[in-house]
């Protein structure tokens, strides 16, 4: 009688553990994009109506792994435990049935323990030898950012380099030189064609040369505008606080009309790490001054934790 009661109790506990895995799975739908109807608990910012891209291939693989680990495994383990328990109870005086039930029971425990040991081993190795600046705190969570190609045609043929000349204020030149030597990464991606990108902007200012400034229509040339020295120093402060990031836009690129980018008061960055790290970087910038927000590819303000977040936009002061 005690065996029956023990099996019933174990089954109730295991089914109770399996139910939450199926109630609100983070891996559903398995295909994370291109759906025509948004679920009630989701919004467009969660990516349900966005066209599929390269990142969604990785998300699909991650969803399949989570599906088998958190959806299939708990249910199968529960069923195997129930089946093993029935064989033990029904076997009674039949040693073969009793042994078979015990074997299934212990094999299931070994399989579950094996999964946990492998996860623990991977976690231990990554935490021991991984670079904490590059490795996300929650490494098992997939973070992938996709930047769609600009709809604006790229300039055809050779691009005329930005004219040089003019004076850069001493404080801006000093702040640019310090930031350039701090280890921060600067993007060479150019919406308006090379050399109109963040990397060229920072090098021009560090060299004392007026940087190119673009417009919405991609007219790019020096006009006397430079990046605010306080903004440059703020980025150095962020780096020195332990944050890794890439500067993707200073004065160049396609932005909205009248954007603070074109007046040298704004910068776009992409932090290294998971979205918790993005939120921390945003908070750090806000503590320095100005206003930092997370934006999607369309330039709309979104929460730093949503799937569609693309960069942090910081306006200073």
C-alpha atoms as a PDB file:
ATOM      1  CA  UNK A   1       0.000   0.000   0.000  1.00  0.00           C
ATOM      2  CA  UNK A   2       2.821   2.421   0.821  1.00  0.00           C
ATOM      3  CA  UNK A   3       4.266   1.952  -2.665  1.00  0.00           C
ATOM      4  CA  UNK A   4       0.997   3.052  -4.289  1.00  0.00           C
ATOM      5  CA  UNK A   5       0.765   6.119  -2.071  1.00  0.00           C
ATOM      6  CA  UNK A   6       4.408   7.013  -2.771  1.00  0.00           C
ATOM      7  CA  UNK A   7       3.919   6.723  -6.550  1.00  0.00           C
ATOM      8  CA  UNK A   8       0.742   8.828  -6.471  1.00  0.00           C
ATOM      9  CA  UNK A   9       2.494  11.524  -4.426  1.00  0.00           C
ATOM     10  CA  UNK A  10       5.527  11.518  -6.721  1.00  0.00           C
ATOM     11  CA  UNK A  11       3.318  11.753  -9.815  1.00  0.00           C
ATOM     12  CA  UNK A  12       1.411  14.725  -8.399  1.00  0.00           C
ATOM     13  CA  UNK A  13       4.662  16.535  -7.604  1.00  0.00           C
ATOM     14  CA  UNK A  14       6.204  15.857 -11.021  1.00  0.00           C
ATOM     15  CA  UNK A  15       3.076  16.823 -12.943  1.00  0.00           C
ATOM     16  CA  UNK A  16       2.936  19.998 -10.873  1.00  0.00           C
ATOM     17  CA  UNK A  17       6.470  20.794 -11.962  1.00  0.00           C
ATOM     18  CA  UNK A  18       5.750  20.006 -15.605  1.00  0.00           C
ATOM     19  CA  UNK A  19       2.640  22.184 -15.804  1.00  0.00           C
ATOM     20  CA  UNK A  20       4.400  25.568 -15.413  1.00  0.00           C
ATOM     21  CA  UNK A  21       6.777  24.634 -18.235  1.00  0.00           C
ATOM     22  CA  UNK A  22       3.799  24.285 -20.557  1.00  0.00           C
ATOM     23  CA  UNK A  23       1.627  27.078 -19.144  1.00  0.00           C
ATOM     24  CA  UNK A  24       3.618  30.097 -20.357  1.00  0.00           C
ATOM     25  CA  UNK A  25       6.536  28.806 -22.447  1.00  0.00           C
ATOM     26  CA  UNK A  26       9.102  31.387 -23.530  1.00  0.00           C
ATOM     27  CA  UNK A  27       9.931  29.193 -26.515  1.00  0.00           C
ATOM     28  CA  UNK A  28       6.484  29.488 -28.117  1.00  0.00           C
ATOM     29  CA  UNK A  29       5.880  30.047 -30.949  1.00  0.00           C
ATOM     30  CA  UNK A  30       8.830  27.987 -32.191  1.00  0.00           C
ATOM     31  CA  UNK A  31       9.116  30.213 -35.274  1.00  0.00           C
ATOM     32  CA  UNK A  32       9.567  33.674 -33.671  1.00  0.00           C
ATOM     33  CA  UNK A  33       8.719  35.913 -36.602  1.00  0.00           C
ATOM     34  CA  UNK A  34       6.467  36.537 -39.551  1.00  0.00           C
ATOM     35  CA  UNK A  35       3.177  35.806 -37.781  1.00  0.00           C
ATOM     36  CA  UNK A  36       0.040  37.560 -38.986  1.00  0.00           C
ATOM     37  CA  UNK A  37      -1.701  37.761 -35.627  1.00  0.00           C
ATOM     38  CA  UNK A  38      -0.200  39.180 -32.431  1.00  0.00           C
ATOM     39  CA  UNK A  39      -0.893  37.066 -29.292  1.00  0.00           C
ATOM     40  CA  UNK A  40      -2.910  38.826 -26.582  1.00  0.00           C
ATOM     41  CA  UNK A  41       0.057  39.023 -24.200  1.00  0.00           C
ATOM     42  CA  UNK A  42       2.455  40.369 -26.865  1.00  0.00           C
ATOM     43  CA  UNK A  43       2.949  43.593 -28.793  1.00  0.00           C
ATOM     44  CA  UNK A  44       4.532  44.535 -32.091  1.00  0.00           C
ATOM     45  CA  UNK A  45       7.710  45.379 -30.174  1.00  0.00           C
ATOM     46  CA  UNK A  46       8.085  41.662 -29.366  1.00  0.00           C
ATOM     47  CA  UNK A  47       8.716  40.984 -33.037  1.00  0.00           C
ATOM     48  CA  UNK A  48       5.585  39.009 -33.876  1.00  0.00           C
ATOM     49  CA  UNK A  49       4.793  40.910 -37.058  1.00  0.00           C
ATOM     50  CA  UNK A  50       8.358  41.631 -38.156  1.00  0.00           C
ATOM     51  CA  UNK A  51       9.740  39.883 -41.241  1.00  0.00           C
ATOM     52  CA  UNK A  52      12.186  37.081 -40.521  1.00  0.00           C
ATOM     53  CA  UNK A  53      15.907  37.845 -40.534  1.00  0.00           C
ATOM     54  CA  UNK A  54      19.228  36.158 -39.726  1.00  0.00           C
ATOM     55  CA  UNK A  55      18.726  36.514 -35.962  1.00  0.00           C
ATOM     56  CA  UNK A  56      15.466  34.568 -36.165  1.00  0.00           C
ATOM     57  CA  UNK A  57      17.381  31.490 -37.364  1.00  0.00           C
ATOM     58  CA  UNK A  58      19.316  31.558 -34.082  1.00  0.00           C
ATOM     59  CA  UNK A  59      16.101  32.206 -32.138  1.00  0.00           C
ATOM     60  CA  UNK A  60      14.456  29.211 -33.840  1.00  0.00           C
ATOM     61  CA  UNK A  61      17.367  26.959 -32.810  1.00  0.00           C
ATOM     62  CA  UNK A  62      17.202  28.358 -29.256  1.00  0.00           C
ATOM     63  CA  UNK A  63      13.419  27.805 -29.152  1.00  0.00           C
ATOM     64  CA  UNK A  64      13.817  24.191 -30.278  1.00  0.00           C
ATOM     65  CA  UNK A  65      16.437  23.548 -27.578  1.00  0.00           C
ATOM     66  CA  UNK A  66      14.226  25.140 -24.905  1.00  0.00           C
ATOM     67  CA  UNK A  67      11.212  23.206 -26.223  1.00  0.00           C
ATOM     68  CA  UNK A  68      12.928  19.863 -25.707  1.00  0.00           C
ATOM     69  CA  UNK A  69      14.585  20.839 -22.404  1.00  0.00           C
ATOM     70  CA  UNK A  70      11.693  22.621 -20.700  1.00  0.00           C
ATOM     71  CA  UNK A  71       8.672  21.364 -22.589  1.00  0.00           C
ATOM     72  CA  UNK A  72       9.334  17.748 -23.593  1.00  0.00           C
ATOM     73  CA  UNK A  73      11.797  16.576 -20.923  1.00  0.00           C
ATOM     74  CA  UNK A  74       9.634  17.295 -17.807  1.00  0.00           C
ATOM     75  CA  UNK A  75       6.596  15.608 -19.369  1.00  0.00           C
ATOM     76  CA  UNK A  76       8.521  12.535 -20.574  1.00  0.00           C
ATOM     77  CA  UNK A  77      10.299  12.217 -17.217  1.00  0.00           C
ATOM     78  CA  UNK A  78       6.944  12.325 -15.430  1.00  0.00           C
ATOM     79  CA  UNK A  79       5.476   9.654 -17.701  1.00  0.00           C
ATOM     80  CA  UNK A  80       8.523   7.410 -17.248  1.00  0.00           C
ATOM     81  CA  UNK A  81       8.317   7.744 -13.469  1.00  0.00           C
ATOM     82  CA  UNK A  82       4.617   6.845 -13.547  1.00  0.00           C
ATOM     83  CA  UNK A  83       5.274   3.885 -15.862  1.00  0.00           C
ATOM     84  CA  UNK A  84       8.142   2.672 -13.653  1.00  0.00           C
ATOM     85  CA  UNK A  85       5.968   3.004 -10.563  1.00  0.00           C
ATOM     86  CA  UNK A  86       3.145   0.992 -12.117  1.00  0.00           C
ATOM     87  CA  UNK A  87       5.528  -1.810 -13.072  1.00  0.00           C
ATOM     88  CA  UNK A  88       6.889  -1.887  -9.519  1.00  0.00           C
ATOM     89  CA  UNK A  89       3.386  -1.988  -7.987  1.00  0.00           C
ATOM     90  CA  UNK A  90       1.832  -4.377 -10.478  1.00  0.00           C
ATOM     91  CA  UNK A  91       4.956  -6.589 -10.518  1.00  0.00           C
ATOM     92  CA  UNK A  92       4.328  -7.672  -6.971  1.00  0.00           C
ATOM     93  CA  UNK A  93       5.959 -11.059  -6.580  1.00  0.00           C
ATOM     94  CA  UNK A  94       7.371 -11.070 -10.129  1.00  0.00           C
ATOM     95  CA  UNK A  95      11.047 -10.176  -9.773  1.00  0.00           C
ATOM     96  CA  UNK A  96      11.474  -9.437 -13.490  1.00  0.00           C
ATOM     97  CA  UNK A  97       8.721  -6.793 -13.493  1.00  0.00           C
ATOM     98  CA  UNK A  98      10.005  -5.293 -10.266  1.00  0.00           C
ATOM     99  CA  UNK A  99      13.568  -5.084 -11.640  1.00  0.00           C
ATOM    100  CA  UNK A 100      12.344  -3.550 -14.906  1.00  0.00           C
ATOM    101  CA  UNK A 101      10.406  -0.873 -13.059  1.00  0.00           C
ATOM    102  CA  UNK A 102      13.376  -0.046 -10.846  1.00  0.00           C
ATOM    103  CA  UNK A 103      15.678   0.163 -13.880  1.00  0.00           C
ATOM    104  CA  UNK A 104      13.353   2.592 -15.686  1.00  0.00           C
ATOM    105  CA  UNK A 105      13.084   4.680 -12.524  1.00  0.00           C
ATOM    106  CA  UNK A 106      16.841   4.987 -12.016  1.00  0.00           C
ATOM    107  CA  UNK A 107      17.585   5.438 -15.722  1.00  0.00           C
ATOM    108  CA  UNK A 108      15.215   8.423 -15.770  1.00  0.00           C
ATOM    109  CA  UNK A 109      16.920   9.939 -12.732  1.00  0.00           C
ATOM    110  CA  UNK A 110      20.328   9.416 -14.370  1.00  0.00           C
ATOM    111  CA  UNK A 111      19.157  11.113 -17.572  1.00  0.00           C
ATOM    112  CA  UNK A 112      17.858  14.145 -15.684  1.00  0.00           C
ATOM    113  CA  UNK A 113      21.014  14.306 -13.585  1.00  0.00           C
ATOM    114  CA  UNK A 114      23.120  14.098 -16.763  1.00  0.00           C
ATOM    115  CA  UNK A 115      21.354  17.116 -18.251  1.00  0.00           C
ATOM    116  CA  UNK A 116      21.905  19.144 -15.073  1.00  0.00           C
ATOM    117  CA  UNK A 117      25.575  18.101 -14.826  1.00  0.00           C
ATOM    118  CA  UNK A 118      26.276  19.094 -18.439  1.00  0.00           C
ATOM    119  CA  UNK A 119      24.640  22.514 -17.893  1.00  0.00           C
ATOM    120  CA  UNK A 120      26.601  23.001 -14.654  1.00  0.00           C
ATOM    121  CA  UNK A 121      29.871  22.029 -16.365  1.00  0.00           C
ATOM    122  CA  UNK A 122      29.309  24.479 -19.244  1.00  0.00           C
ATOM    123  CA  UNK A 123      28.374  27.237 -16.804  1.00  0.00           C
ATOM    124  CA  UNK A 124      31.481  26.575 -14.672  1.00  0.00           C
ATOM    125  CA  UNK A 125      33.838  26.610 -17.662  1.00  0.00           C
ATOM    126  CA  UNK A 126      32.371  29.782 -19.165  1.00  0.00           C
ATOM    127  CA  UNK A 127      32.365  31.625 -15.847  1.00  0.00           C
ATOM    128  CA  UNK A 128      35.930  30.515 -15.111  1.00  0.00           C
ATOM    129  CA  UNK A 129      37.666  31.327 -18.400  1.00  0.00           C
ATOM    130  CA  UNK A 130      35.255  33.718 -20.150  1.00  0.00           C
ATOM    131  CA  UNK A 131      35.802  37.458 -20.405  1.00  0.00           C
ATOM    132  CA  UNK A 132      33.158  39.014 -18.097  1.00  0.00           C
ATOM    133  CA  UNK A 133      32.986  42.107 -20.322  1.00  0.00           C
ATOM    134  CA  UNK A 134      32.012  40.024 -23.355  1.00  0.00           C
ATOM    135  CA  UNK A 135      30.213  37.077 -21.738  1.00  0.00           C
ATOM    136  CA  UNK A 136      26.646  37.955 -20.665  1.00  0.00           C
ATOM    137  CA  UNK A 137      25.725  37.256 -17.036  1.00  0.00           C
ATOM    138  CA  UNK A 138      22.921  34.989 -18.220  1.00  0.00           C
ATOM    139  CA  UNK A 139      24.840  33.373 -21.080  1.00  0.00           C
ATOM    140  CA  UNK A 140      22.062  30.881 -21.803  1.00  0.00           C
ATOM    141  CA  UNK A 141      19.756  33.702 -22.971  1.00  0.00           C
ATOM    142  CA  UNK A 142      20.114  34.500 -26.662  1.00  0.00           C
ATOM    143  CA  UNK A 143      20.613  38.149 -27.577  1.00  0.00           C
ATOM    144  CA  UNK A 144      20.908  39.016 -31.244  1.00  0.00           C
ATOM    145  CA  UNK A 145      20.483  42.387 -32.926  1.00  0.00           C
ATOM    146  CA  UNK A 146      19.748  42.739 -36.629  1.00  0.00           C
ATOM    147  CA  UNK A 147      20.124  46.006 -38.489  1.00  0.00           C
ATOM    148  CA  UNK A 148      18.158  45.981 -41.758  1.00  0.00           C
ATOM    149  CA  UNK A 149      19.775  47.545 -44.805  1.00  0.00           C
ATOM    150  CA  UNK A 150      18.912  51.169 -45.354  1.00  0.00           C
ATOM    151  CA  UNK A 151      16.156  51.851 -47.856  1.00  0.00           C
ATOM    152  CA  UNK A 152      18.139  54.831 -49.086  1.00  0.00           C
ATOM    153  CA  UNK A 153      20.197  53.942 -52.165  1.00  0.00           C
ATOM    154  CA  UNK A 154      23.911  53.993 -51.580  1.00  0.00           C
ATOM    155  CA  UNK A 155      25.874  56.508 -53.590  1.00  0.00           C
ATOM    156  CA  UNK A 156      26.988  54.943 -56.856  1.00  0.00           C
ATOM    157  CA  UNK A 157      30.565  55.039 -58.093  1.00  0.00           C
ATOM    158  CA  UNK A 158      33.360  56.537 -56.041  1.00  0.00           C
ATOM    159  CA  UNK A 159      32.506  58.665 -53.026  1.00  0.00           C
ATOM    160  CA  UNK A 160      34.268  61.998 -52.690  1.00  0.00           C
ATOM    161  CA  UNK A 161      36.014  62.122 -49.293  1.00  0.00           C
ATOM    162  CA  UNK A 162      34.810  64.755 -46.852  1.00  0.00           C
ATOM    163  CA  UNK A 163      36.671  68.030 -47.256  1.00  0.00           C
ATOM    164  CA  UNK A 164      39.192  68.755 -44.522  1.00  0.00           C
ATOM    165  CA  UNK A 165      40.286  71.937 -42.840  1.00  0.00           C
ATOM    166  CA  UNK A 166      38.981  74.202 -40.082  1.00  0.00           C
ATOM    167  CA  UNK A 167      39.574  74.336 -36.351  1.00  0.00           C
ATOM    168  CA  UNK A 168      38.332  71.920 -33.691  1.00  0.00           C
ATOM    169  CA  UNK A 169      38.007  73.421 -30.172  1.00  0.00           C
ATOM    170  CA  UNK A 170      40.813  72.291 -27.870  1.00  0.00           C
ATOM    171  CA  UNK A 171      38.461  70.665 -25.339  1.00  0.00           C
ATOM    172  CA  UNK A 172      36.734  68.663 -28.073  1.00  0.00           C
ATOM    173  CA  UNK A 173      40.061  67.557 -29.561  1.00  0.00           C
ATOM    174  CA  UNK A 174      41.321  66.483 -26.116  1.00  0.00           C
ATOM    175  CA  UNK A 175      38.088  64.624 -25.256  1.00  0.00           C
ATOM    176  CA  UNK A 176      38.066  62.916 -28.674  1.00  0.00           C
ATOM    177  CA  UNK A 177      41.696  61.799 -28.269  1.00  0.00           C
ATOM    178  CA  UNK A 178      40.981  60.408 -24.806  1.00  0.00           C
ATOM    179  CA  UNK A 179      37.901  58.510 -26.029  1.00  0.00           C
ATOM    180  CA  UNK A 180      39.759  57.169 -29.072  1.00  0.00           C
ATOM    181  CA  UNK A 181      42.450  55.738 -26.808  1.00  0.00           C
ATOM    182  CA  UNK A 182      40.055  54.286 -24.237  1.00  0.00           C
ATOM    183  CA  UNK A 183      39.384  51.025 -26.079  1.00  0.00           C
ATOM    184  CA  UNK A 184      35.869  51.934 -27.236  1.00  0.00           C
ATOM    185  CA  UNK A 185      34.862  50.486 -30.626  1.00  0.00           C
ATOM    186  CA  UNK A 186      33.665  52.780 -33.413  1.00  0.00           C
ATOM    187  CA  UNK A 187      31.511  51.565 -36.292  1.00  0.00           C
ATOM    188  CA  UNK A 188      32.613  51.900 -39.902  1.00  0.00           C
ATOM    189  CA  UNK A 189      29.086  51.229 -41.148  1.00  0.00           C
ATOM    190  CA  UNK A 190      27.943  54.204 -43.233  1.00  0.00           C
ATOM    191  CA  UNK A 191      24.324  54.843 -44.238  1.00  0.00           C
ATOM    192  CA  UNK A 192      25.536  57.581 -46.576  1.00  0.00           C
ATOM    193  CA  UNK A 193      28.616  55.784 -47.867  1.00  0.00           C
ATOM    194  CA  UNK A 194      32.230  55.765 -46.728  1.00  0.00           C
ATOM    195  CA  UNK A 195      33.911  57.662 -45.060  1.00  0.00           C
ATOM    196  CA  UNK A 196      30.828  59.093 -43.348  1.00  0.00           C
ATOM    197  CA  UNK A 197      30.762  56.967 -40.203  1.00  0.00           C
ATOM    198  CA  UNK A 198      31.478  57.164 -36.457  1.00  0.00           C
ATOM    199  CA  UNK A 199      35.039  55.918 -36.793  1.00  0.00           C
ATOM    200  CA  UNK A 200      35.995  58.721 -39.191  1.00  0.00           C
ATOM    201  CA  UNK A 201      34.190  61.326 -37.070  1.00  0.00           C
ATOM    202  CA  UNK A 202      36.154  60.523 -33.916  1.00  0.00           C
ATOM    203  CA  UNK A 203      39.492  60.318 -35.754  1.00  0.00           C
ATOM    204  CA  UNK A 204      38.927  63.656 -37.469  1.00  0.00           C
ATOM    205  CA  UNK A 205      38.169  65.394 -34.188  1.00  0.00           C
ATOM    206  CA  UNK A 206      41.100  63.739 -32.404  1.00  0.00           C
ATOM    207  CA  UNK A 207      43.345  64.999 -35.223  1.00  0.00           C
ATOM    208  CA  UNK A 208      41.917  68.502 -34.933  1.00  0.00           C
ATOM    209  CA  UNK A 209      40.094  68.284 -38.277  1.00  0.00           C
ATOM    210  CA  UNK A 210      36.448  69.334 -38.564  1.00  0.00           C
ATOM    211  CA  UNK A 211      34.312  66.185 -38.997  1.00  0.00           C
ATOM    212  CA  UNK A 212      31.749  65.620 -41.721  1.00  0.00           C
ATOM    213  CA  UNK A 213      28.101  66.253 -40.797  1.00  0.00           C
ATOM    214  CA  UNK A 214      25.339  64.522 -42.755  1.00  0.00           C
ATOM    215  CA  UNK A 215      21.725  65.445 -43.409  1.00  0.00           C
ATOM    216  CA  UNK A 216      18.590  63.376 -43.840  1.00  0.00           C
ATOM    217  CA  UNK A 217      19.236  63.371 -47.604  1.00  0.00           C
ATOM    218  CA  UNK A 218      22.846  62.236 -47.060  1.00  0.00           C
ATOM    219  CA  UNK A 219      24.516  65.517 -47.941  1.00  0.00           C
ATOM    220  CA  UNK A 220      27.716  65.088 -45.942  1.00  0.00           C
ATOM    221  CA  UNK A 221      30.456  67.679 -45.423  1.00  0.00           C
ATOM    222  CA  UNK A 222      32.141  69.623 -42.601  1.00  0.00           C
ATOM    223  CA  UNK A 223      30.039  72.633 -41.591  1.00  0.00           C
ATOM    224  CA  UNK A 224      31.859  73.667 -38.427  1.00  0.00           C
ATOM    225  CA  UNK A 225      29.798  71.421 -36.110  1.00  0.00           C
ATOM    226  CA  UNK A 226      31.651  69.133 -33.689  1.00  0.00           C
ATOM    227  CA  UNK A 227      30.502  66.664 -31.034  1.00  0.00           C
ATOM    228  CA  UNK A 228      29.870  68.132 -27.588  1.00  0.00           C
ATOM    229  CA  UNK A 229      33.011  67.661 -25.475  1.00  0.00           C
ATOM    230  CA  UNK A 230      30.886  66.668 -22.469  1.00  0.00           C
ATOM    231  CA  UNK A 231      29.281  63.895 -24.505  1.00  0.00           C
ATOM    232  CA  UNK A 232      32.703  62.551 -25.504  1.00  0.00           C
ATOM    233  CA  UNK A 233      33.904  62.650 -21.904  1.00  0.00           C
ATOM    234  CA  UNK A 234      30.681  60.938 -20.814  1.00  0.00           C
ATOM    235  CA  UNK A 235      31.384  58.018 -23.165  1.00  0.00           C
ATOM    236  CA  UNK A 236      34.882  57.719 -21.696  1.00  0.00           C
ATOM    237  CA  UNK A 237      33.324  57.663 -18.218  1.00  0.00           C
ATOM    238  CA  UNK A 238      30.954  54.878 -19.328  1.00  0.00           C
ATOM    239  CA  UNK A 239      33.895  52.854 -20.649  1.00  0.00           C
ATOM    240  CA  UNK A 240      35.913  53.398 -17.464  1.00  0.00           C
ATOM    241  CA  UNK A 241      32.899  52.193 -15.458  1.00  0.00           C
ATOM    242  CA  UNK A 242      33.370  48.751 -17.028  1.00  0.00           C
ATOM    243  CA  UNK A 243      30.914  48.924 -19.917  1.00  0.00           C
ATOM    244  CA  UNK A 244      31.905  47.642 -23.345  1.00  0.00           C
ATOM    245  CA  UNK A 245      30.105  49.204 -26.310  1.00  0.00           C
ATOM    246  CA  UNK A 246      30.356  50.268 -29.938  1.00  0.00           C
ATOM    247  CA  UNK A 247      29.608  53.820 -31.067  1.00  0.00           C
ATOM    248  CA  UNK A 248      27.476  53.500 -34.201  1.00  0.00           C
ATOM    249  CA  UNK A 249      26.687  57.164 -34.967  1.00  0.00           C
ATOM    250  CA  UNK A 250      27.892  60.662 -34.080  1.00  0.00           C
ATOM    251  CA  UNK A 251      27.254  63.318 -36.736  1.00  0.00           C
ATOM    252  CA  UNK A 252      26.637  61.041 -39.710  1.00  0.00           C
ATOM    253  CA  UNK A 253      23.965  58.576 -40.750  1.00  0.00           C
ATOM    254  CA  UNK A 254      20.278  58.870 -41.536  1.00  0.00           C
ATOM    255  CA  UNK A 255      18.259  60.362 -38.691  1.00  0.00           C
ATOM    256  CA  UNK A 256      15.046  62.351 -38.403  1.00  0.00           C
ATOM    257  CA  UNK A 257      14.963  65.953 -39.588  1.00  0.00           C
ATOM    258  CA  UNK A 258      16.415  68.292 -36.978  1.00  0.00           C
ATOM    259  CA  UNK A 259      18.025  65.375 -35.144  1.00  0.00           C
ATOM    260  CA  UNK A 260      20.347  66.270 -32.274  1.00  0.00           C
ATOM    261  CA  UNK A 261      22.914  64.067 -34.023  1.00  0.00           C
ATOM    262  CA  UNK A 262      23.426  66.760 -36.636  1.00  0.00           C
ATOM    263  CA  UNK A 263      24.103  69.392 -33.959  1.00  0.00           C
ATOM    264  CA  UNK A 264      26.709  67.270 -32.146  1.00  0.00           C
ATOM    265  CA  UNK A 265      24.530  66.632 -29.102  1.00  0.00           C
ATOM    266  CA  UNK A 266      23.666  62.940 -29.587  1.00  0.00           C
ATOM    267  CA  UNK A 267      25.330  59.566 -30.010  1.00  0.00           C
ATOM    268  CA  UNK A 268      24.084  56.021 -30.681  1.00  0.00           C
ATOM    269  CA  UNK A 269      25.810  53.095 -28.970  1.00  0.00           C
ATOM    270  CA  UNK A 270      25.343  49.319 -28.862  1.00  0.00           C
ATOM    271  CA  UNK A 271      26.448  47.900 -25.479  1.00  0.00           C
ATOM    272  CA  UNK A 272      28.140  44.536 -25.063  1.00  0.00           C
ATOM    273  CA  UNK A 273      26.168  41.999 -23.037  1.00  0.00           C
ATOM    274  CA  UNK A 274      22.582  41.044 -22.348  1.00  0.00           C
ATOM    275  CA  UNK A 275      19.664  43.455 -22.002  1.00  0.00           C
ATOM    276  CA  UNK A 276      20.263  43.785 -18.264  1.00  0.00           C
ATOM    277  CA  UNK A 277      23.623  45.277 -19.163  1.00  0.00           C
ATOM    278  CA  UNK A 278      21.915  47.588 -21.678  1.00  0.00           C
ATOM    279  CA  UNK A 279      19.629  48.908 -18.948  1.00  0.00           C
ATOM    280  CA  UNK A 280      22.611  49.466 -16.653  1.00  0.00           C
ATOM    281  CA  UNK A 281      24.461  51.379 -19.388  1.00  0.00           C
ATOM    282  CA  UNK A 282      21.388  53.507 -20.027  1.00  0.00           C
ATOM    283  CA  UNK A 283      21.068  54.289 -16.307  1.00  0.00           C
ATOM    284  CA  UNK A 284      24.758  55.191 -16.107  1.00  0.00           C
ATOM    285  CA  UNK A 285      24.444  57.633 -19.019  1.00  0.00           C
ATOM    286  CA  UNK A 286      21.387  59.245 -17.436  1.00  0.00           C
ATOM    287  CA  UNK A 287      23.365  59.687 -14.212  1.00  0.00           C
ATOM    288  CA  UNK A 288      26.046  61.556 -16.182  1.00  0.00           C
ATOM    289  CA  UNK A 289      23.476  63.944 -17.653  1.00  0.00           C
ATOM    290  CA  UNK A 290      21.177  64.451 -20.605  1.00  0.00           C
ATOM    291  CA  UNK A 291      18.717  61.763 -21.662  1.00  0.00           C
ATOM    292  CA  UNK A 292      19.459  58.167 -22.681  1.00  0.00           C
ATOM    293  CA  UNK A 293      16.770  55.930 -24.204  1.00  0.00           C
ATOM    294  CA  UNK A 294      16.669  52.557 -25.922  1.00  0.00           C
ATOM    295  CA  UNK A 295      15.416  52.687 -29.514  1.00  0.00           C
ATOM    296  CA  UNK A 296      14.451  50.186 -32.201  1.00  0.00           C
ATOM    297  CA  UNK A 297      15.577  50.263 -35.834  1.00  0.00           C
ATOM    298  CA  UNK A 298      12.841  52.790 -36.653  1.00  0.00           C
ATOM    299  CA  UNK A 299      14.176  55.199 -34.006  1.00  0.00           C
ATOM    300  CA  UNK A 300      11.178  54.725 -31.701  1.00  0.00           C
ATOM    301  CA  UNK A 301      11.726  54.592 -27.940  1.00  0.00           C
ATOM    302  CA  UNK A 302      11.302  51.061 -26.543  1.00  0.00           C
ATOM    303  CA  UNK A 303      12.137  49.169 -23.377  1.00  0.00           C
ATOM    304  CA  UNK A 304      15.739  47.958 -23.299  1.00  0.00           C
ATOM    305  CA  UNK A 305      14.494  44.388 -22.693  1.00  0.00           C
ATOM    306  CA  UNK A 306      12.358  43.935 -25.827  1.00  0.00           C
ATOM    307  CA  UNK A 307      13.481  41.844 -28.780  1.00  0.00           C
ATOM    308  CA  UNK A 308      13.370  44.738 -31.239  1.00  0.00           C
ATOM    309  CA  UNK A 309      15.781  47.055 -29.377  1.00  0.00           C
ATOM    310  CA  UNK A 310      18.621  48.186 -31.656  1.00  0.00           C
ATOM    311  CA  UNK A 311      20.716  50.799 -29.835  1.00  0.00           C
ATOM    312  CA  UNK A 312      20.880  53.333 -26.991  1.00  0.00           C
ATOM    313  CA  UNK A 313      20.398  56.942 -28.074  1.00  0.00           C
ATOM    314  CA  UNK A 314      21.992  59.454 -25.696  1.00  0.00           C
ATOM    315  CA  UNK A 315      21.373  63.174 -26.001  1.00  0.00           C
ATOM    316  CA  UNK A 316      23.711  65.458 -24.029  1.00  0.00           C
ATOM    317  CA  UNK A 317      23.215  67.855 -22.374  1.00  0.00           C
END
